[in-house]
Amino acid sequence: MIKLDNMWWIVLLTTVIILELIADVLSKQWSLQPQALFLIGGIFFYLVANIAWLLALRSGVGLARGVSIFSVVCAIAATIIGLVYYKESVSGLQFVGIILGVISLFFIFWHDIFI
């Protein structure tokens, strides 16, 4: 079972991921409809996400582990948003990459779950 002691970094990293995804969506919207509101919103959320990232690092996420989790989760979530909302497509090879990313999360959390 996942140990909850000293896991405050999970809350902070989740916050980083959510803020980053909001910034990504605003940036995508700006690329489709170049309005200042989308541009400013995207920049704002990227900035706030990076402040949360600094706090996550300070709370013990670890650079290698944090970036790995962040990258995989953001890639999966952004892919889902792209598929559902923007009607983008994913190739078979890209889908395999996403599956490998999910598997990598299992290995990243292996120690927390089983040891």
Protein backbone atom coordinates (compact mmCIF):
# COMPACT_ATOMS: atom_id res chain seq x y z
CA MET A 1 0.00 0.00 0.00
CA ILE A 2 1.22 3.53 -0.71
CA LYS A 3 2.68 5.16 2.38
CA LEU A 4 1.14 8.58 3.02
CA ASP A 5 3.86 9.94 5.28
CA ASN A 6 6.03 12.55 3.60
CA MET A 7 3.95 12.44 0.40
CA TRP A 8 2.97 16.14 0.30
CA TRP A 9 4.87 16.34 -2.99
CA ILE A 10 2.10 14.30 -4.66
CA VAL A 11 -0.41 17.10 -3.99
CA LEU A 12 2.03 19.70 -5.32
CA LEU A 13 2.95 17.63 -8.38
CA THR A 14 -0.75 17.05 -9.13
CA THR A 15 -1.24 20.82 -8.92
CA VAL A 16 1.65 21.34 -11.35
CA ILE A 17 0.12 18.87 -13.80
CA ILE A 18 -3.34 20.47 -13.65
CA LEU A 19 -1.94 23.99 -14.10
CA GLU A 20 0.28 22.84 -16.97
CA LEU A 21 -2.67 21.21 -18.73
CA ILE A 22 -4.73 24.39 -18.38
CA ALA A 23 -1.81 26.34 -19.85
CA ASP A 24 -1.49 23.82 -22.69
CA VAL A 25 -5.19 24.12 -23.57
CA LEU A 26 -5.03 27.92 -23.50
CA SER A 27 -1.93 27.82 -25.70
CA LYS A 28 -3.65 25.48 -28.16
CA GLN A 29 -6.66 27.81 -28.22
CA TRP A 30 -4.35 30.75 -28.89
CA SER A 31 -2.82 28.84 -31.83
CA LEU A 32 -6.33 28.38 -33.26
CA GLN A 33 -7.74 31.79 -32.30
CA PRO A 34 -4.91 34.28 -31.68
CA GLN A 35 -6.62 36.32 -28.98
CA ALA A 36 -4.62 38.05 -26.28
CA LEU A 37 -6.70 36.45 -23.51
CA PHE A 38 -5.57 32.94 -24.51
CA LEU A 39 -1.94 34.05 -24.79
CA ILE A 40 -1.90 35.87 -21.45
CA GLY A 41 -3.81 33.03 -19.75
CA GLY A 42 -1.38 30.45 -21.09
CA ILE A 43 1.65 32.41 -19.92
CA PHE A 44 0.05 33.00 -16.51
CA PHE A 45 -0.73 29.31 -15.94
CA TYR A 46 2.75 28.25 -17.11
CA LEU A 47 4.23 30.70 -14.60
CA VAL A 48 2.06 29.49 -11.72
CA ALA A 49 2.76 25.86 -12.66
CA ASN A 50 6.49 26.52 -12.44
CA ILE A 51 6.12 28.10 -9.01
CA ALA A 52 4.24 24.98 -7.88
CA TRP A 53 7.03 22.87 -9.45
CA LEU A 54 9.62 24.68 -7.31
CA LEU A 55 7.54 23.94 -4.21
CA ALA A 56 7.20 20.29 -5.23
CA LEU A 57 10.96 20.00 -5.61
CA ARG A 58 11.46 21.56 -2.21
CA SER A 59 8.95 19.16 -0.63
CA GLY A 60 10.88 16.10 -1.82
CA VAL A 61 9.53 14.99 -5.20
CA GLY A 62 13.06 14.58 -6.55
CA LEU A 63 14.04 15.89 -9.96
CA ALA A 64 14.27 12.59 -11.84
CA ARG A 65 11.14 11.09 -10.35
CA GLY A 66 9.12 14.31 -10.55
CA VAL A 67 9.97 15.05 -14.16
CA SER A 68 9.24 11.45 -15.16
CA ILE A 69 5.82 11.45 -13.50
CA PHE A 70 5.02 14.93 -14.79
CA SER A 71 6.00 14.09 -18.36
CA VAL A 72 4.08 10.82 -18.57
CA VAL A 73 0.91 12.09 -16.89
CA CYS A 74 0.88 15.32 -18.90
CA ALA A 75 1.48 13.43 -22.14
CA ILE A 76 -1.39 11.04 -21.45
CA ALA A 77 -3.79 13.78 -20.33
CA ALA A 78 -2.85 16.09 -23.22
CA THR A 79 -3.36 13.22 -25.65
CA ILE A 80 -6.82 12.55 -24.26
CA ILE A 81 -7.69 16.25 -24.48
CA GLY A 82 -6.34 16.39 -28.03
CA LEU A 83 -8.31 13.33 -29.09
CA VAL A 84 -11.60 14.26 -27.45
CA TYR A 85 -11.74 18.04 -27.66
CA TYR A 86 -9.58 18.91 -30.68
CA LYS A 87 -10.31 15.75 -32.72
CA GLU A 88 -6.60 15.05 -33.20
CA SER A 89 -5.36 11.57 -34.03
CA VAL A 90 -2.75 9.23 -32.58
CA SER A 91 -0.81 6.71 -34.63
CA GLY A 92 -0.37 3.12 -33.54
CA LEU A 93 3.25 3.74 -32.59
CA GLN A 94 2.28 6.79 -30.55
CA PHE A 95 -0.35 4.69 -28.77
CA VAL A 96 2.33 2.11 -27.89
CA GLY A 97 4.40 4.96 -26.45
CA ILE A 98 1.49 6.02 -24.26
CA ILE A 99 1.06 2.44 -23.00
CA LEU A 100 4.78 2.27 -22.19
CA GLY A 101 4.40 5.56 -20.31
CA VAL A 102 1.65 4.05 -18.17
CA ILE A 103 3.84 1.03 -17.48
CA SER A 104 6.69 3.36 -16.52
CA LEU A 105 4.48 4.95 -13.84
CA PHE A 106 4.02 1.51 -12.31
CA PHE A 107 7.80 1.11 -12.05
CA ILE A 108 8.29 4.64 -10.72
CA PHE A 109 5.87 3.92 -7.86
CA TRP A 110 7.01 0.29 -7.34
CA HIS A 111 8.89 1.04 -4.13
CA ASP A 112 6.00 3.06 -2.64
CA ILE A 113 3.45 0.37 -3.44
CA PHE A 114 5.25 -2.86 -2.60
CA ILE A 115 8.08 -2.03 -0.19
